[in-house]
Amino acid sequence: MAKPPDITSDIRIAAPCSVGWETMEGDDLVRYCGKCNLNVQHI
């Protein structure tokens, strides 16, 4: 069976947040950015 293409390599963030992943609260998969008020997922 063929492996599906990696579509995440085509994703571009127009205006990425300046807050570092290591300073956000959360775990290794999901963290919360207080500046953006968003949950951020690590892919």
PDB file of N, CA and C in Angstrom:
ATOM      1  N   MET A   1       0.846  -1.173   0.000  1.00  0.00           N
ATOM      2  CA  MET A   1       0.000   0.000   0.000  1.00  0.00           C
ATOM      3  C   MET A   1       0.901   1.248   0.000  1.00  0.00           C
ATOM      4  N   ALA A   2       0.577   2.194  -0.849  1.00  0.00           N
ATOM      5  CA  ALA A   2       1.367   3.426  -0.972  1.00  0.00           C
ATOM      6  C   ALA A   2       1.104   4.349   0.209  1.00  0.00           C
ATOM      7  N   LYS A   3       2.147   5.037   0.631  1.00  0.00           N
ATOM      8  CA  LYS A   3       2.047   5.999   1.728  1.00  0.00           C
ATOM      9  C   LYS A   3       1.404   7.282   1.202  1.00  0.00           C
ATOM     10  N   PRO A   4       0.406   7.848   1.939  1.00  0.00           N
ATOM     11  CA  PRO A   4      -0.227   9.084   1.473  1.00  0.00           C
ATOM     12  C   PRO A   4       0.772  10.243   1.496  1.00  0.00           C
ATOM     13  N   PRO A   5       0.583  11.237   0.628  1.00  0.00           N
ATOM     14  CA  PRO A   5       1.512  12.374   0.587  1.00  0.00           C
ATOM     15  C   PRO A   5       1.448  13.188   1.876  1.00  0.00           C
ATOM     16  N   ASP A   6       2.549  13.837   2.229  1.00  0.00           N
ATOM     17  CA  ASP A   6       2.622  14.683   3.410  1.00  0.00           C
ATOM     18  C   ASP A   6       2.129  16.077   3.046  1.00  0.00           C
ATOM     19  N   ILE A   7       0.863  16.343   3.335  1.00  0.00           N
ATOM     20  CA  ILE A   7       0.283  17.640   2.965  1.00  0.00           C
ATOM     21  C   ILE A   7       0.741  18.763   3.889  1.00  0.00           C
ATOM     22  N   THR A   8       1.305  18.420   5.054  1.00  0.00           N
ATOM     23  CA  THR A   8       1.739  19.468   5.980  1.00  0.00           C
ATOM     24  C   THR A   8       2.949  20.232   5.458  1.00  0.00           C
ATOM     25  N   SER A   9       3.678  19.676   4.523  1.00  0.00           N
ATOM     26  CA  SER A   9       4.833  20.386   3.978  1.00  0.00           C
ATOM     27  C   SER A   9       4.410  21.571   3.098  1.00  0.00           C
ATOM     28  N   ASP A  10       3.150  21.607   2.691  1.00  0.00           N
ATOM     29  CA  ASP A  10       2.643  22.694   1.853  1.00  0.00           C
ATOM     30  C   ASP A  10       2.003  23.819   2.666  1.00  0.00           C
ATOM     31  N   ILE A  11       1.923  23.671   3.986  1.00  0.00           N
ATOM     32  CA  ILE A  11       1.278  24.671   4.830  1.00  0.00           C
ATOM     33  C   ILE A  11       2.247  25.814   5.115  1.00  0.00           C
ATOM     34  N   ARG A  12       1.786  27.025   4.933  1.00  0.00           N
ATOM     35  CA  ARG A  12       2.582  28.217   5.230  1.00  0.00           C
ATOM     36  C   ARG A  12       1.772  29.119   6.158  1.00  0.00           C
ATOM     37  N   ILE A  13       2.417  29.682   7.156  1.00  0.00           N
ATOM     38  CA  ILE A  13       1.765  30.586   8.097  1.00  0.00           C
ATOM     39  C   ILE A  13       2.081  32.013   7.664  1.00  0.00           C
ATOM     40  N   ALA A  14       1.036  32.786   7.350  1.00  0.00           N
ATOM     41  CA  ALA A  14       1.230  34.141   6.838  1.00  0.00           C
ATOM     42  C   ALA A  14       1.865  35.060   7.876  1.00  0.00           C
ATOM     43  N   ALA A  15       1.415  34.979   9.115  1.00  0.00           N
ATOM     44  CA  ALA A  15       1.946  35.836  10.171  1.00  0.00           C
ATOM     45  C   ALA A  15       2.132  34.986  11.431  1.00  0.00           C
ATOM     46  N   PRO A  16       3.244  34.272  11.517  1.00  0.00           N
ATOM     47  CA  PRO A  16       3.454  33.397  12.677  1.00  0.00           C
ATOM     48  C   PRO A  16       3.602  34.194  13.974  1.00  0.00           C
ATOM     49  N   CYS A  17       3.174  33.594  15.052  1.00  0.00           N
ATOM     50  CA  CYS A  17       3.280  34.206  16.377  1.00  0.00           C
ATOM     51  C   CYS A  17       4.740  34.230  16.814  1.00  0.00           C
ATOM     52  N   SER A  18       5.115  35.260  17.536  1.00  0.00           N
ATOM     53  CA  SER A  18       6.498  35.399  17.987  1.00  0.00           C
ATOM     54  C   SER A  18       6.781  34.683  19.310  1.00  0.00           C
ATOM     55  N   VAL A  19       5.747  34.154  19.958  1.00  0.00           N
ATOM     56  CA  VAL A  19       5.919  33.460  21.239  1.00  0.00           C
ATOM     57  C   VAL A  19       6.539  32.090  20.986  1.00  0.00           C
ATOM     58  N   GLY A  20       7.574  31.765  21.727  1.00  0.00           N
ATOM     59  CA  GLY A  20       8.256  30.486  21.559  1.00  0.00           C
ATOM     60  C   GLY A  20       7.459  29.319  22.137  1.00  0.00           C
ATOM     61  N   TRP A  21       7.517  28.193  21.455  1.00  0.00           N
ATOM     62  CA  TRP A  21       6.834  26.964  21.877  1.00  0.00           C
ATOM     63  C   TRP A  21       7.188  26.619  23.322  1.00  0.00           C
ATOM     64  N   GLU A  22       8.466  26.773  23.668  1.00  0.00           N
ATOM     65  CA  GLU A  22       8.940  26.385  24.998  1.00  0.00           C
ATOM     66  C   GLU A  22       8.386  27.266  26.109  1.00  0.00           C
ATOM     67  N   THR A  23       7.873  28.438  25.785  1.00  0.00           N
ATOM     68  CA  THR A  23       7.313  29.329  26.814  1.00  0.00           C
ATOM     69  C   THR A  23       5.809  29.164  26.987  1.00  0.00           C
ATOM     70  N   MET A  24       5.156  28.433  26.083  1.00  0.00           N
ATOM     71  CA  MET A  24       3.715  28.207  26.182  1.00  0.00           C
ATOM     72  C   MET A  24       3.422  27.103  27.186  1.00  0.00           C
ATOM     73  N   GLU A  25       2.251  27.189  27.815  1.00  0.00           N
ATOM     74  CA  GLU A  25       1.825  26.164  28.770  1.00  0.00           C
ATOM     75  C   GLU A  25       1.170  25.022  28.030  1.00  0.00           C
ATOM     76  N   GLY A  26       1.476  23.797  28.454  1.00  0.00           N
ATOM     77  CA  GLY A  26       0.857  22.620  27.863  1.00  0.00           C
ATOM     78  C   GLY A  26       1.800  21.445  27.877  1.00  0.00           C
ATOM     79  N   ASP A  27       1.554  20.505  26.970  1.00  0.00           N
ATOM     80  CA  ASP A  27       2.384  19.309  26.913  1.00  0.00           C
ATOM     81  C   ASP A  27       3.145  19.251  25.592  1.00  0.00           C
ATOM     82  N   ASP A  28       3.644  18.060  25.254  1.00  0.00           N
ATOM     83  CA  ASP A  28       4.452  17.923  24.036  1.00  0.00           C
ATOM     84  C   ASP A  28       3.641  18.011  22.748  1.00  0.00           C
ATOM     85  N   LEU A  29       2.314  17.867  22.832  1.00  0.00           N
ATOM     86  CA  LEU A  29       1.483  17.886  21.632  1.00  0.00           C
ATOM     87  C   LEU A  29       0.676  19.165  21.460  1.00  0.00           C
ATOM     88  N   VAL A  30       0.147  19.701  22.567  1.00  0.00           N
ATOM     89  CA  VAL A  30      -0.709  20.888  22.489  1.00  0.00           C
ATOM     90  C   VAL A  30      -0.305  21.867  23.584  1.00  0.00           C
ATOM     91  N   ARG A  31      -0.162  23.115  23.198  1.00  0.00           N
ATOM     92  CA  ARG A  31       0.154  24.169  24.162  1.00  0.00           C
ATOM     93  C   ARG A  31      -0.755  25.368  23.897  1.00  0.00           C
ATOM     94  N   TYR A  32      -0.908  26.202  24.918  1.00  0.00           N
ATOM     95  CA  TYR A  32      -1.771  27.368  24.812  1.00  0.00           C
ATOM     96  C   TYR A  32      -0.936  28.642  24.706  1.00  0.00           C
ATOM     97  N   CYS A  33      -1.243  29.454  23.712  1.00  0.00           N
ATOM     98  CA  CYS A  33      -0.563  30.738  23.537  1.00  0.00           C
ATOM     99  C   CYS A  33      -1.451  31.839  24.116  1.00  0.00           C
ATOM    100  N   GLY A  34      -0.985  32.459  25.195  1.00  0.00           N
ATOM    101  CA  GLY A  34      -1.741  33.533  25.827  1.00  0.00           C
ATOM    102  C   GLY A  34      -1.809  34.789  24.979  1.00  0.00           C
ATOM    103  N   LYS A  35      -0.817  35.007  24.133  1.00  0.00           N
ATOM    104  CA  LYS A  35      -0.813  36.185  23.259  1.00  0.00           C
ATOM    105  C   LYS A  35      -1.896  36.074  22.180  1.00  0.00           C
ATOM    106  N   CYS A  36      -2.007  34.892  21.591  1.00  0.00           N
ATOM    107  CA  CYS A  36      -2.980  34.666  20.506  1.00  0.00           C
ATOM    108  C   CYS A  36      -4.333  34.142  21.022  1.00  0.00           C
ATOM    109  N   ASN A  37      -4.347  33.677  22.277  1.00  0.00           N
ATOM    110  CA  ASN A  37      -5.536  33.036  22.838  1.00  0.00           C
ATOM    111  C   ASN A  37      -5.948  31.821  22.011  1.00  0.00           C
ATOM    112  N   LEU A  38      -4.944  31.027  21.621  1.00  0.00           N
ATOM    113  CA  LEU A  38      -5.185  29.842  20.799  1.00  0.00           C
ATOM    114  C   LEU A  38      -4.425  28.644  21.339  1.00  0.00           C
ATOM    115  N   ASN A  39      -4.989  27.456  21.116  1.00  0.00           N
ATOM    116  CA  ASN A  39      -4.255  26.224  21.352  1.00  0.00           C
ATOM    117  C   ASN A  39      -3.440  25.945  20.119  1.00  0.00           C
ATOM    118  N   VAL A  40      -2.181  25.573  20.319  1.00  0.00           N
ATOM    119  CA  VAL A  40      -1.265  25.320  19.226  1.00  0.00           C
ATOM    120  C   VAL A  40      -0.866  23.857  19.264  1.00  0.00           C
ATOM    121  N   GLN A  41      -0.980  23.172  18.120  1.00  0.00           N
ATOM    122  CA  GLN A  41      -0.626  21.759  18.048  1.00  0.00           C
ATOM    123  C   GLN A  41       0.714  21.590  17.377  1.00  0.00           C
ATOM    124  N   HIS A  42       1.512  20.691  17.941  1.00  0.00           N
ATOM    125  CA  HIS A  42       2.804  20.368  17.359  1.00  0.00           C
ATOM    126  C   HIS A  42       2.599  19.214  16.385  1.00  0.00           C
ATOM    127  N   ILE A  43       2.999  19.396  15.155  1.00  0.00           N
ATOM    128  CA  ILE A  43       2.829  18.346  14.124  1.00  0.00           C
ATOM    129  C   ILE A  43       4.144  17.656  13.914  1.00  0.00           C
TER     130      ILE A  43
END
